[in-house]
Amino acid sequence: MFTNGGQFRLGGNGQRLRAPAPGLLGRLLTAVASAAVLAVTFMFSLVIFSAVAAIALLGGIYLWWKTRALRRQLRERPPGGRVIEGEVIQEAQSPH
């Protein structure tokens, strides 16, 4: 690997391109602009989240409404025609 002793400097970082240090007014405007961007972002996120929640709620209501006849049919006539309820008791077999 070949290295030379000098530092490599990019062409765009000279003194003439540097912005002056912001004063009190610049810092205040930056803080106000940042707060405004944060508030607008929060507002849009609330709108998006509420729209997604409304769509999910409407989808759930639609699914519930479309399956009501099937649920009624399952209550009246369970699968297999009969429901047998009970317990199974089995005697333990002794090993021979």
PDB file of N, CA and C in Angstrom:
ATOM      1  N   MET A   1       0.849  -1.177   0.000  1.00  0.00           N
ATOM      2  CA  MET A   1       0.000   0.000   0.000  1.00  0.00           C
ATOM      3  C   MET A   1       0.883   1.224   0.000  1.00  0.00           C
ATOM      4  N   PHE A   2       0.570   2.156  -0.877  1.00  0.00           N
ATOM      5  CA  PHE A   2       1.379   3.367  -1.007  1.00  0.00           C
ATOM      6  C   PHE A   2       0.717   4.518  -0.262  1.00  0.00           C
ATOM      7  N   THR A   3       1.432   5.152   0.606  1.00  0.00           N
ATOM      8  CA  THR A   3       0.924   6.331   1.315  1.00  0.00           C
ATOM      9  C   THR A   3       1.918   7.466   1.171  1.00  0.00           C
ATOM     10  N   ASN A   4       1.400   8.642   1.072  1.00  0.00           N
ATOM     11  CA  ASN A   4       2.283   9.804   1.088  1.00  0.00           C
ATOM     12  C   ASN A   4       2.032  10.575   2.375  1.00  0.00           C
ATOM     13  N   GLY A   5       2.929  11.404   2.746  1.00  0.00           N
ATOM     14  CA  GLY A   5       2.847  12.088   4.029  1.00  0.00           C
ATOM     15  C   GLY A   5       1.792  13.177   4.101  1.00  0.00           C
ATOM     16  N   GLY A   6       1.326  13.702   2.980  1.00  0.00           N
ATOM     17  CA  GLY A   6       0.365  14.806   3.003  1.00  0.00           C
ATOM     18  C   GLY A   6      -1.065  14.345   3.255  1.00  0.00           C
ATOM     19  N   GLN A   7      -1.858  15.253   3.782  1.00  0.00           N
ATOM     20  CA  GLN A   7      -3.274  14.937   4.013  1.00  0.00           C
ATOM     21  C   GLN A   7      -4.062  15.206   2.743  1.00  0.00           C
ATOM     22  N   PHE A   8      -5.067  14.405   2.522  1.00  0.00           N
ATOM     23  CA  PHE A   8      -5.932  14.588   1.365  1.00  0.00           C
ATOM     24  C   PHE A   8      -7.052  15.533   1.769  1.00  0.00           C
ATOM     25  N   ARG A   9      -7.233  16.597   1.027  1.00  0.00           N
ATOM     26  CA  ARG A   9      -8.265  17.585   1.331  1.00  0.00           C
ATOM     27  C   ARG A   9      -9.223  17.667   0.160  1.00  0.00           C
ATOM     28  N   LEU A  10     -10.485  17.696   0.482  1.00  0.00           N
ATOM     29  CA  LEU A  10     -11.492  17.873  -0.554  1.00  0.00           C
ATOM     30  C   LEU A  10     -11.489  19.308  -1.020  1.00  0.00           C
ATOM     31  N   GLY A  11     -11.907  19.521  -2.258  1.00  0.00           N
ATOM     32  CA  GLY A  11     -11.834  20.858  -2.833  1.00  0.00           C
ATOM     33  C   GLY A  11     -12.861  21.837  -2.303  1.00  0.00           C
ATOM     34  N   GLY A  12     -13.930  21.388  -1.663  1.00  0.00           N
ATOM     35  CA  GLY A  12     -14.995  22.297  -1.281  1.00  0.00           C
ATOM     36  C   GLY A  12     -14.996  22.731   0.167  1.00  0.00           C
ATOM     37  N   ASN A  13     -13.917  22.540   0.892  1.00  0.00           N
ATOM     38  CA  ASN A  13     -13.966  22.898   2.307  1.00  0.00           C
ATOM     39  C   ASN A  13     -13.042  24.058   2.658  1.00  0.00           C
ATOM     40  N   GLY A  14     -12.928  25.001   1.757  1.00  0.00           N
ATOM     41  CA  GLY A  14     -12.078  26.165   2.023  1.00  0.00           C
ATOM     42  C   GLY A  14     -12.783  27.191   2.906  1.00  0.00           C
ATOM     43  N   GLN A  15     -12.060  28.219   3.294  1.00  0.00           N
ATOM     44  CA  GLN A  15     -12.606  29.254   4.171  1.00  0.00           C
ATOM     45  C   GLN A  15     -13.737  30.026   3.505  1.00  0.00           C
ATOM     46  N   ARG A  16     -13.669  30.231   2.241  1.00  0.00           N
ATOM     47  CA  ARG A  16     -14.680  31.051   1.575  1.00  0.00           C
ATOM     48  C   ARG A  16     -16.038  30.362   1.496  1.00  0.00           C
ATOM     49  N   LEU A  17     -16.127  29.041   1.662  1.00  0.00           N
ATOM     50  CA  LEU A  17     -17.383  28.325   1.568  1.00  0.00           C
ATOM     51  C   LEU A  17     -18.031  28.073   2.928  1.00  0.00           C
ATOM     52  N   ARG A  18     -17.380  28.394   3.996  1.00  0.00           N
ATOM     53  CA  ARG A  18     -17.934  28.137   5.316  1.00  0.00           C
ATOM     54  C   ARG A  18     -18.941  29.219   5.692  1.00  0.00           C
ATOM     55  N   ALA A  19     -20.046  28.790   6.306  1.00  0.00           N
ATOM     56  CA  ALA A  19     -21.068  29.734   6.737  1.00  0.00           C
ATOM     57  C   ALA A  19     -20.632  30.363   8.057  1.00  0.00           C
ATOM     58  N   PRO A  20     -20.997  31.616   8.258  1.00  0.00           N
ATOM     59  CA  PRO A  20     -20.646  32.244   9.531  1.00  0.00           C
ATOM     60  C   PRO A  20     -21.410  31.587  10.682  1.00  0.00           C
ATOM     61  N   ALA A  21     -20.861  31.672  11.869  1.00  0.00           N
ATOM     62  CA  ALA A  21     -21.517  31.080  13.037  1.00  0.00           C
ATOM     63  C   ALA A  21     -22.849  31.782  13.266  1.00  0.00           C
ATOM     64  N   PRO A  22     -23.921  31.001  13.515  1.00  0.00           N
ATOM     65  CA  PRO A  22     -25.233  31.628  13.687  1.00  0.00           C
ATOM     66  C   PRO A  22     -25.281  32.426  14.992  1.00  0.00           C
ATOM     67  N   GLY A  23     -25.950  33.546  14.915  1.00  0.00           N
ATOM     68  CA  GLY A  23     -26.123  34.363  16.099  1.00  0.00           C
ATOM     69  C   GLY A  23     -27.368  33.945  16.863  1.00  0.00           C
ATOM     70  N   LEU A  24     -27.785  34.772  17.778  1.00  0.00           N
ATOM     71  CA  LEU A  24     -28.955  34.478  18.600  1.00  0.00           C
ATOM     72  C   LEU A  24     -30.219  34.396  17.746  1.00  0.00           C
ATOM     73  N   LEU A  25     -30.358  35.289  16.766  1.00  0.00           N
ATOM     74  CA  LEU A  25     -31.531  35.280  15.901  1.00  0.00           C
ATOM     75  C   LEU A  25     -31.567  34.014  15.046  1.00  0.00           C
ATOM     76  N   GLY A  26     -30.436  33.607  14.529  1.00  0.00           N
ATOM     77  CA  GLY A  26     -30.365  32.386  13.730  1.00  0.00           C
ATOM     78  C   GLY A  26     -30.720  31.150  14.544  1.00  0.00           C
ATOM     79  N   ARG A  27     -30.233  31.087  15.751  1.00  0.00           N
ATOM     80  CA  ARG A  27     -30.549  29.956  16.628  1.00  0.00           C
ATOM     81  C   ARG A  27     -32.037  29.944  16.980  1.00  0.00           C
ATOM     82  N   LEU A  28     -32.598  31.129  17.233  1.00  0.00           N
ATOM     83  CA  LEU A  28     -34.019  31.222  17.562  1.00  0.00           C
ATOM     84  C   LEU A  28     -34.885  30.793  16.378  1.00  0.00           C
ATOM     85  N   LEU A  29     -34.539  31.267  15.179  1.00  0.00           N
ATOM     86  CA  LEU A  29     -35.289  30.873  13.991  1.00  0.00           C
ATOM     87  C   LEU A  29     -35.157  29.373  13.713  1.00  0.00           C
ATOM     88  N   THR A  30     -33.985  28.821  13.958  1.00  0.00           N
ATOM     89  CA  THR A  30     -33.798  27.377  13.774  1.00  0.00           C
ATOM     90  C   THR A  30     -34.656  26.594  14.757  1.00  0.00           C
ATOM     91  N   ALA A  31     -34.727  27.044  15.999  1.00  0.00           N
ATOM     92  CA  ALA A  31     -35.544  26.353  16.997  1.00  0.00           C
ATOM     93  C   ALA A  31     -37.026  26.444  16.652  1.00  0.00           C
ATOM     94  N   VAL A  32     -37.483  27.600  16.209  1.00  0.00           N
ATOM     95  CA  VAL A  32     -38.894  27.769  15.839  1.00  0.00           C
ATOM     96  C   VAL A  32     -39.230  26.922  14.619  1.00  0.00           C
ATOM     97  N   ALA A  33     -38.348  26.921  13.622  1.00  0.00           N
ATOM     98  CA  ALA A  33     -38.589  26.116  12.424  1.00  0.00           C
ATOM     99  C   ALA A  33     -38.589  24.623  12.765  1.00  0.00           C
ATOM    100  N   SER A  34     -37.698  24.198  13.631  1.00  0.00           N
ATOM    101  CA  SER A  34     -37.656  22.789  14.040  1.00  0.00           C
ATOM    102  C   SER A  34     -38.926  22.394  14.775  1.00  0.00           C
ATOM    103  N   ALA A  35     -39.399  23.265  15.654  1.00  0.00           N
ATOM    104  CA  ALA A  35     -40.635  22.975  16.384  1.00  0.00           C
ATOM    105  C   ALA A  35     -41.826  22.914  15.424  1.00  0.00           C
ATOM    106  N   ALA A  36     -41.854  23.798  14.423  1.00  0.00           N
ATOM    107  CA  ALA A  36     -42.948  23.795  13.455  1.00  0.00           C
ATOM    108  C   ALA A  36     -42.927  22.519  12.614  1.00  0.00           C
ATOM    109  N   VAL A  37     -41.748  22.102  12.179  1.00  0.00           N
ATOM    110  CA  VAL A  37     -41.640  20.868  11.393  1.00  0.00           C
ATOM    111  C   VAL A  37     -42.056  19.673  12.240  1.00  0.00           C
ATOM    112  N   LEU A  38     -41.675  19.649  13.494  1.00  0.00           N
ATOM    113  CA  LEU A  38     -42.055  18.561  14.393  1.00  0.00           C
ATOM    114  C   LEU A  38     -43.571  18.526  14.609  1.00  0.00           C
ATOM    115  N   ALA A  39     -44.186  19.689  14.780  1.00  0.00           N
ATOM    116  CA  ALA A  39     -45.636  19.753  14.986  1.00  0.00           C
ATOM    117  C   ALA A  39     -46.391  19.297  13.736  1.00  0.00           C
ATOM    118  N   VAL A  40     -45.946  19.718  12.560  1.00  0.00           N
ATOM    119  CA  VAL A  40     -46.604  19.327  11.311  1.00  0.00           C
ATOM    120  C   VAL A  40     -46.439  17.825  11.075  1.00  0.00           C
ATOM    121  N   THR A  41     -45.260  17.296  11.374  1.00  0.00           N
ATOM    122  CA  THR A  41     -45.028  15.857  11.226  1.00  0.00           C
ATOM    123  C   THR A  41     -45.930  15.069  12.168  1.00  0.00           C
ATOM    124  N   PHE A  42     -46.064  15.530  13.395  1.00  0.00           N
ATOM    125  CA  PHE A  42     -46.936  14.871  14.362  1.00  0.00           C
ATOM    126  C   PHE A  42     -48.393  14.916  13.897  1.00  0.00           C
ATOM    127  N   MET A  43     -48.805  16.048  13.338  1.00  0.00           N
ATOM    128  CA  MET A  43     -50.163  16.185  12.835  1.00  0.00           C
ATOM    129  C   MET A  43     -50.439  15.191  11.713  1.00  0.00           C
ATOM    130  N   PHE A  44     -49.521  15.108  10.750  1.00  0.00           N
ATOM    131  CA  PHE A  44     -49.705  14.173   9.646  1.00  0.00           C
ATOM    132  C   PHE A  44     -49.688  12.729  10.120  1.00  0.00           C
ATOM    133  N   SER A  45     -48.859  12.419  11.094  1.00  0.00           N
ATOM    134  CA  SER A  45     -48.833  11.046  11.588  1.00  0.00           C
ATOM    135  C   SER A  45     -50.149  10.695  12.284  1.00  0.00           C
ATOM    136  N   LEU A  46     -50.736  11.649  13.000  1.00  0.00           N
ATOM    137  CA  LEU A  46     -52.037  11.385  13.615  1.00  0.00           C
ATOM    138  C   LEU A  46     -53.119  11.148  12.567  1.00  0.00           C
ATOM    139  N   VAL A  47     -53.081  11.911  11.493  1.00  0.00           N
ATOM    140  CA  VAL A  47     -54.063  11.735  10.423  1.00  0.00           C
ATOM    141  C   VAL A  47     -53.884  10.364   9.776  1.00  0.00           C
ATOM    142  N   ILE A  48     -52.650   9.972   9.512  1.00  0.00           N
ATOM    143  CA  ILE A  48     -52.394   8.679   8.875  1.00  0.00           C
ATOM    144  C   ILE A  48     -52.794   7.539   9.797  1.00  0.00           C
ATOM    145  N   PHE A  49     -52.426   7.617  11.083  1.00  0.00           N
ATOM    146  CA  PHE A  49     -52.778   6.548  12.021  1.00  0.00           C
ATOM    147  C   PHE A  49     -54.286   6.443  12.210  1.00  0.00           C
ATOM    148  N   SER A  50     -54.981   7.566  12.257  1.00  0.00           N
ATOM    149  CA  SER A  50     -56.439   7.500  12.408  1.00  0.00           C
ATOM    150  C   SER A  50     -57.096   6.945  11.144  1.00  0.00           C
ATOM    151  N   ALA A  51     -56.550   7.250   9.982  1.00  0.00           N
ATOM    152  CA  ALA A  51     -57.101   6.691   8.741  1.00  0.00           C
ATOM    153  C   ALA A  51     -56.888   5.177   8.698  1.00  0.00           C
ATOM    154  N   VAL A  52     -55.724   4.712   9.108  1.00  0.00           N
ATOM    155  CA  VAL A  52     -55.467   3.271   9.135  1.00  0.00           C
ATOM    156  C   VAL A  52     -56.389   2.586  10.144  1.00  0.00           C
ATOM    157  N   ALA A  53     -56.584   3.196  11.301  1.00  0.00           N
ATOM    158  CA  ALA A  53     -57.479   2.621  12.305  1.00  0.00           C
ATOM    159  C   ALA A  53     -58.926   2.581  11.796  1.00  0.00           C
ATOM    160  N   ALA A  54     -59.362   3.619  11.114  1.00  0.00           N
ATOM    161  CA  ALA A  54     -60.721   3.643  10.568  1.00  0.00           C
ATOM    162  C   ALA A  54     -60.900   2.576   9.496  1.00  0.00           C
ATOM    163  N   ILE A  55     -59.911   2.390   8.636  1.00  0.00           N
ATOM    164  CA  ILE A  55     -59.989   1.361   7.601  1.00  0.00           C
ATOM    165  C   ILE A  55     -60.030  -0.025   8.233  1.00  0.00           C
ATOM    166  N   ALA A  56     -59.208  -0.251   9.270  1.00  0.00           N
ATOM    167  CA  ALA A  56     -59.219  -1.549   9.954  1.00  0.00           C
ATOM    168  C   ALA A  56     -60.561  -1.794  10.639  1.00  0.00           C
ATOM    169  N   LEU A  57     -61.122  -0.768  11.249  1.00  0.00           N
ATOM    170  CA  LEU A  57     -62.420  -0.909  11.897  1.00  0.00           C
ATOM    171  C   LEU A  57     -63.519  -1.220  10.877  1.00  0.00           C
ATOM    172  N   LEU A  58     -63.523  -0.510   9.765  1.00  0.00           N
ATOM    173  CA  LEU A  58     -64.515  -0.777   8.731  1.00  0.00           C
ATOM    174  C   LEU A  58     -64.349  -2.182   8.143  1.00  0.00           C
ATOM    175  N   GLY A  59     -63.111  -2.616   7.974  1.00  0.00           N
ATOM    176  CA  GLY A  59     -62.878  -3.977   7.478  1.00  0.00           C
ATOM    177  C   GLY A  59     -63.377  -5.028   8.460  1.00  0.00           C
ATOM    178  N   GLY A  60     -63.169  -4.801   9.747  1.00  0.00           N
ATOM    179  CA  GLY A  60     -63.666  -5.731  10.756  1.00  0.00           C
ATOM    180  C   GLY A  60     -65.177  -5.771  10.805  1.00  0.00           C
ATOM    181  N   ILE A  61     -65.807  -4.615  10.703  1.00  0.00           N
ATOM    182  CA  ILE A  61     -67.280  -4.567  10.691  1.00  0.00           C
ATOM    183  C   ILE A  61     -67.820  -5.266   9.452  1.00  0.00           C
ATOM    184  N   TYR A  62     -67.191  -5.056   8.306  1.00  0.00           N
ATOM    185  CA  TYR A  62     -67.629  -5.720   7.070  1.00  0.00           C
ATOM    186  C   TYR A  62     -67.509  -7.239   7.203  1.00  0.00           C
ATOM    187  N   LEU A  63     -66.393  -7.708   7.740  1.00  0.00           N
ATOM    188  CA  LEU A  63     -66.207  -9.149   7.925  1.00  0.00           C
ATOM    189  C   LEU A  63     -67.219  -9.717   8.909  1.00  0.00           C
ATOM    190  N   TRP A  64     -67.471  -9.010   9.987  1.00  0.00           N
ATOM    191  CA  TRP A  64     -68.463  -9.447  10.970  1.00  0.00           C
ATOM    192  C   TRP A  64     -69.850  -9.523  10.332  1.00  0.00           C
ATOM    193  N   TRP A  65     -70.206  -8.529   9.520  1.00  0.00           N
ATOM    194  CA  TRP A  65     -71.520  -8.484   8.893  1.00  0.00           C
ATOM    195  C   TRP A  65     -71.679  -9.602   7.872  1.00  0.00           C
ATOM    196  N   LYS A  66     -70.648  -9.873   7.087  1.00  0.00           N
ATOM    197  CA  LYS A  66     -70.743 -10.888   6.047  1.00  0.00           C
ATOM    198  C   LYS A  66     -70.755 -12.303   6.616  1.00  0.00           C
ATOM    199  N   THR A  67     -70.244 -12.520   7.816  1.00  0.00           N
ATOM    200  CA  THR A  67     -70.209 -13.872   8.380  1.00  0.00           C
ATOM    201  C   THR A  67     -71.327 -14.125   9.383  1.00  0.00           C
ATOM    202  N   ARG A  68     -72.269 -13.215   9.504  1.00  0.00           N
ATOM    203  CA  ARG A  68     -73.312 -13.400  10.516  1.00  0.00           C
ATOM    204  C   ARG A  68     -74.199 -14.598  10.205  1.00  0.00           C
ATOM    205  N   ALA A  69     -74.520 -14.847   8.936  1.00  0.00           N
ATOM    206  CA  ALA A  69     -75.352 -15.998   8.582  1.00  0.00           C
ATOM    207  C   ALA A  69     -74.610 -17.304   8.870  1.00  0.00           C
ATOM    208  N   LEU A  70     -73.338 -17.336   8.597  1.00  0.00           N
ATOM    209  CA  LEU A  70     -72.551 -18.535   8.878  1.00  0.00           C
ATOM    210  C   LEU A  70     -72.475 -18.798  10.381  1.00  0.00           C
ATOM    211  N   ARG A  71     -72.298 -17.760  11.162  1.00  0.00           N
ATOM    212  CA  ARG A  71     -72.257 -17.940  12.623  1.00  0.00           C
ATOM    213  C   ARG A  71     -73.609 -18.422  13.154  1.00  0.00           C
ATOM    214  N   ARG A  72     -74.692 -17.906  12.609  1.00  0.00           N
ATOM    215  CA  ARG A  72     -76.030 -18.352  13.022  1.00  0.00           C
ATOM    216  C   ARG A  72     -76.235 -19.814  12.662  1.00  0.00           C
ATOM    217  N   GLN A  73     -75.811 -20.202  11.477  1.00  0.00           N
ATOM    218  CA  GLN A  73     -75.942 -21.587  11.040  1.00  0.00           C
ATOM    219  C   GLN A  73     -75.108 -22.518  11.920  1.00  0.00           C
ATOM    220  N   LEU A  74     -73.920 -22.113  12.300  1.00  0.00           N
ATOM    221  CA  LEU A  74     -73.089 -22.949  13.161  1.00  0.00           C
ATOM    222  C   LEU A  74     -73.679 -23.085  14.554  1.00  0.00           C
ATOM    223  N   ARG A  75     -74.368 -22.060  15.023  1.00  0.00           N
ATOM    224  CA  ARG A  75     -75.024 -22.161  16.338  1.00  0.00           C
ATOM    225  C   ARG A  75     -76.208 -23.125  16.283  1.00  0.00           C
ATOM    226  N   GLU A  76     -76.957 -23.064  15.202  1.00  0.00           N
ATOM    227  CA  GLU A  76     -78.146 -23.910  15.099  1.00  0.00           C
ATOM    228  C   GLU A  76     -77.804 -25.357  14.767  1.00  0.00           C
ATOM    229  N   ARG A  77     -76.907 -25.569  13.839  1.00  0.00           N
ATOM    230  CA  ARG A  77     -76.524 -26.922  13.432  1.00  0.00           C
ATOM    231  C   ARG A  77     -75.003 -27.034  13.475  1.00  0.00           C
ATOM    232  N   PRO A  78     -74.475 -27.560  14.556  1.00  0.00           N
ATOM    233  CA  PRO A  78     -73.018 -27.698  14.630  1.00  0.00           C
ATOM    234  C   PRO A  78     -72.503 -28.705  13.611  1.00  0.00           C
ATOM    235  N   PRO A  79     -71.228 -28.638  13.267  1.00  0.00           N
ATOM    236  CA  PRO A  79     -70.677 -29.576  12.292  1.00  0.00           C
ATOM    237  C   PRO A  79     -70.811 -31.020  12.780  1.00  0.00           C
ATOM    238  N   GLY A  80     -71.160 -31.925  11.901  1.00  0.00           N
ATOM    239  CA  GLY A  80     -71.313 -33.322  12.265  1.00  0.00           C
ATOM    240  C   GLY A  80     -72.715 -33.663  12.715  1.00  0.00           C
ATOM    241  N   GLY A  81     -73.573 -32.709  12.917  1.00  0.00           N
ATOM    242  CA  GLY A  81     -74.951 -32.965  13.273  1.00  0.00           C
ATOM    243  C   GLY A  81     -75.222 -33.150  14.747  1.00  0.00           C
ATOM    244  N   ARG A  82     -74.272 -33.647  15.519  1.00  0.00           N
ATOM    245  CA  ARG A  82     -74.520 -33.893  16.941  1.00  0.00           C
ATOM    246  C   ARG A  82     -73.333 -33.383  17.752  1.00  0.00           C
ATOM    247  N   VAL A  83     -73.644 -32.980  18.939  1.00  0.00           N
ATOM    248  CA  VAL A  83     -72.600 -32.616  19.889  1.00  0.00           C
ATOM    249  C   VAL A  83     -72.681 -33.621  21.015  1.00  0.00           C
ATOM    250  N   ILE A  84     -71.614 -34.334  21.229  1.00  0.00           N
ATOM    251  CA  ILE A  84     -71.560 -35.313  22.313  1.00  0.00           C
ATOM    252  C   ILE A  84     -70.596 -34.775  23.351  1.00  0.00           C
ATOM    253  N   GLU A  85     -71.124 -34.548  24.515  1.00  0.00           N
ATOM    254  CA  GLU A  85     -70.278 -34.059  25.587  1.00  0.00           C
ATOM    255  C   GLU A  85     -70.099 -35.169  26.605  1.00  0.00           C
ATOM    256  N   GLY A  86     -68.958 -35.287  27.158  1.00  0.00           N
ATOM    257  CA  GLY A  86     -68.719 -36.296  28.171  1.00  0.00           C
ATOM    258  C   GLY A  86     -67.247 -36.428  28.477  1.00  0.00           C
ATOM    259  N   GLU A  87     -66.941 -37.383  29.336  1.00  0.00           N
ATOM    260  CA  GLU A  87     -65.566 -37.627  29.721  1.00  0.00           C
ATOM    261  C   GLU A  87     -65.200 -39.061  29.388  1.00  0.00           C
ATOM    262  N   VAL A  88     -63.958 -39.285  29.153  1.00  0.00           N
ATOM    263  CA  VAL A  88     -63.458 -40.633  28.901  1.00  0.00           C
ATOM    264  C   VAL A  88     -62.597 -41.024  30.075  1.00  0.00           C
ATOM    265  N   ILE A  89     -62.955 -42.138  30.694  1.00  0.00           N
ATOM    266  CA  ILE A  89     -62.162 -42.665  31.800  1.00  0.00           C
ATOM    267  C   ILE A  89     -61.632 -44.012  31.353  1.00  0.00           C
ATOM    268  N   GLN A  90     -60.355 -44.146  31.415  1.00  0.00           N
ATOM    269  CA  GLN A  90     -59.735 -45.370  30.942  1.00  0.00           C
ATOM    270  C   GLN A  90     -58.910 -45.963  32.070  1.00  0.00           C
ATOM    271  N   GLU A  91     -59.080 -47.265  32.247  1.00  0.00           N
ATOM    272  CA  GLU A  91     -58.294 -47.916  33.284  1.00  0.00           C
ATOM    273  C   GLU A  91     -56.879 -48.097  32.782  1.00  0.00           C
ATOM    274  N   ALA A  92     -55.944 -47.865  33.685  1.00  0.00           N
ATOM    275  CA  ALA A  92     -54.549 -48.033  33.319  1.00  0.00           C
ATOM    276  C   ALA A  92     -54.248 -49.508  33.204  1.00  0.00           C
ATOM    277  N   GLN A  93     -53.606 -49.870  32.143  1.00  0.00           N
ATOM    278  CA  GLN A  93     -53.273 -51.271  31.969  1.00  0.00           C
ATOM    279  C   GLN A  93     -51.946 -51.565  32.654  1.00  0.00           C
ATOM    280  N   SER A  94     -51.908 -52.673  33.331  1.00  0.00           N
ATOM    281  CA  SER A  94     -50.676 -53.039  34.035  1.00  0.00           C
ATOM    282  C   SER A  94     -49.727 -53.730  33.062  1.00  0.00           C
ATOM    283  N   PRO A  95     -48.469 -53.383  33.145  1.00  0.00           N
ATOM    284  CA  PRO A  95     -47.499 -54.026  32.227  1.00  0.00           C
ATOM    285  C   PRO A  95     -47.307 -55.487  32.603  1.00  0.00           C
ATOM    286  N   HIS A  96     -47.256 -56.383  31.675  1.00  0.00           N
ATOM    287  CA  HIS A  96     -47.124 -57.821  31.928  1.00  0.00           C
ATOM    288  C   HIS A  96     -45.705 -58.243  31.868  1.00  0.00           C
TER     289      HIS A  96
END
